[in-house]
Amino acid sequence: MASLPSYVAIRFPDYGETPQPSVERTEMERGVPKQRILNTQVMVEVQAAFLFRTSADASAFEDWYYDTIKRIGWFTMTHPRTGQAVTARFVGGDIGTLAPMSPTFGQSYRVVKLEYLR
């Protein structure tokens, strides 16, 4: 299985994670709504910005995206908060827009959404 390339850094000011609770909630005619767990595992969505320190890193990332994981593949990465290895993929295969941090694209970033099962 592919791994997130080591030259990809995560910008923490842009980081956030949202678990999908996988809970069914039924409103009752009277009283407290009932809830039940639908799945034992939940999908967690992570929003992050991938930082590329050189234009070559940004190009290499695109090659990895198109050729290695083929846009929709799963890959392993170290979870930024826990340090644990997780198997993730890009939500909808979308890697966002490449945005420059300098006029020459010496540094650039992409805001991405990842998902993994917890």
Protein backbone atom coordinates (compact mmCIF):
# COMPACT_ATOMS: atom_id res chain seq x y z
CA MET A 1 0.00 0.00 0.00
CA ALA A 2 1.16 3.51 -0.77
CA SER A 3 2.22 5.96 1.92
CA LEU A 4 1.80 9.71 2.02
CA PRO A 5 5.13 11.07 0.73
CA SER A 6 7.55 12.29 3.40
CA TYR A 7 7.99 15.69 1.73
CA VAL A 8 4.33 16.55 2.44
CA ALA A 9 4.02 18.63 5.61
CA ILE A 10 0.73 19.46 7.31
CA ARG A 11 -0.01 23.07 8.31
CA PHE A 12 -1.65 22.91 11.72
CA PRO A 13 -3.57 26.22 11.62
CA ASP A 14 -5.66 24.66 8.82
CA TYR A 15 -6.19 21.31 10.58
CA GLY A 16 -9.52 19.98 11.81
CA GLU A 17 -11.29 16.65 12.17
CA THR A 18 -14.95 15.70 12.26
CA PRO A 19 -16.18 12.20 13.10
CA GLN A 20 -19.41 10.99 11.54
CA PRO A 21 -21.17 9.45 14.55
CA SER A 22 -23.06 6.74 12.59
CA VAL A 23 -26.03 7.02 14.94
CA GLU A 24 -29.70 6.73 14.04
CA ARG A 25 -31.94 9.14 15.94
CA THR A 26 -35.70 8.67 16.09
CA GLU A 27 -37.89 11.46 17.37
CA MET A 28 -40.68 10.21 19.62
CA GLU A 29 -44.19 11.61 19.78
CA ARG A 30 -43.59 12.19 23.49
CA GLY A 31 -40.47 12.03 25.52
CA VAL A 32 -36.79 11.77 24.76
CA PRO A 33 -35.69 10.80 21.23
CA LYS A 34 -34.27 7.28 20.87
CA GLN A 35 -30.80 6.68 19.47
CA ARG A 36 -28.96 3.60 18.33
CA ILE A 37 -25.51 2.92 16.92
CA LEU A 38 -25.54 1.95 13.25
CA ASN A 39 -21.91 0.85 12.71
CA THR A 40 -19.08 -0.26 14.96
CA GLN A 41 -16.59 1.91 13.09
CA VAL A 42 -17.06 5.55 12.17
CA MET A 43 -15.69 7.56 9.27
CA VAL A 44 -13.58 10.52 10.40
CA GLU A 45 -13.13 13.43 8.02
CA VAL A 46 -9.93 15.43 8.33
CA GLN A 47 -9.42 18.84 6.79
CA ALA A 48 -5.78 19.79 6.41
CA ALA A 49 -3.45 21.87 4.29
CA PHE A 50 -0.55 20.03 2.70
CA LEU A 51 2.53 22.24 2.53
CA PHE A 52 5.06 21.80 -0.28
CA ARG A 53 8.42 23.43 0.38
CA THR A 54 9.52 23.40 -3.27
CA SER A 55 7.80 23.42 -6.64
CA ALA A 56 9.39 20.01 -7.29
CA ASP A 57 7.60 18.64 -4.20
CA ALA A 58 4.26 19.96 -5.52
CA SER A 59 4.89 18.29 -8.88
CA ALA A 60 6.01 15.03 -7.25
CA PHE A 61 2.83 15.02 -5.16
CA GLU A 62 0.71 15.29 -8.32
CA ASP A 63 2.64 12.38 -9.85
CA TRP A 64 2.04 10.33 -6.67
CA TYR A 65 -1.67 11.26 -6.75
CA TYR A 66 -2.22 10.35 -10.42
CA ASP A 67 0.19 7.44 -10.84
CA THR A 68 0.53 5.77 -7.44
CA ILE A 69 -2.87 6.05 -5.73
CA LYS A 70 -4.71 6.74 -8.99
CA ARG A 71 -6.82 9.55 -7.42
CA ILE A 72 -9.08 7.28 -5.34
CA GLY A 73 -6.68 4.86 -3.68
CA TRP A 74 -6.09 4.34 0.02
CA PHE A 75 -2.72 5.23 1.55
CA THR A 76 -1.12 5.09 4.96
CA MET A 77 -0.12 8.18 6.87
CA THR A 78 0.76 9.19 10.39
CA HIS A 79 -2.20 10.83 12.06
CA PRO A 80 -1.11 14.40 12.93
CA ARG A 81 -2.81 14.43 16.34
CA THR A 82 -2.31 10.88 17.63
CA GLY A 83 0.88 9.81 15.86
CA GLN A 84 -0.81 6.50 14.96
CA ALA A 85 -0.69 5.04 11.46
CA VAL A 86 -4.04 5.32 9.68
CA THR A 87 -5.25 4.25 6.25
CA ALA A 88 -6.83 7.25 4.54
CA ARG A 89 -8.05 8.48 1.18
CA PHE A 90 -9.09 11.81 -0.34
CA VAL A 91 -12.83 12.52 -0.04
CA GLY A 92 -14.22 12.18 -3.55
CA GLY A 93 -10.68 11.95 -4.92
CA ASP A 94 -10.38 15.75 -4.56
CA ILE A 95 -6.98 17.25 -3.70
CA GLY A 96 -8.09 20.88 -3.81
CA THR A 97 -6.45 23.86 -5.46
CA LEU A 98 -2.69 24.39 -5.48
CA ALA A 99 -2.09 27.84 -3.98
CA PRO A 100 1.28 29.62 -4.02
CA MET A 101 2.86 31.07 -0.90
CA SER A 102 5.42 32.95 -2.99
CA PRO A 103 5.23 34.37 -6.53
CA THR A 104 7.52 31.66 -7.93
CA PHE A 105 5.62 28.73 -6.33
CA GLY A 106 8.76 28.13 -4.23
CA GLN A 107 6.34 27.14 -1.46
CA SER A 108 2.74 26.17 -2.03
CA TYR A 109 -0.11 24.34 -0.35
CA ARG A 110 -3.34 22.45 -1.01
CA VAL A 111 -6.32 22.34 1.35
CA VAL A 112 -7.52 18.72 1.28
CA LYS A 113 -10.17 16.57 2.91
CA LEU A 114 -9.20 13.08 3.98
CA GLU A 115 -11.27 10.30 5.45
CA TYR A 116 -10.39 7.21 7.43
CA LEU A 117 -12.22 4.60 9.48
CA ARG A 118 -11.82 4.72 13.24
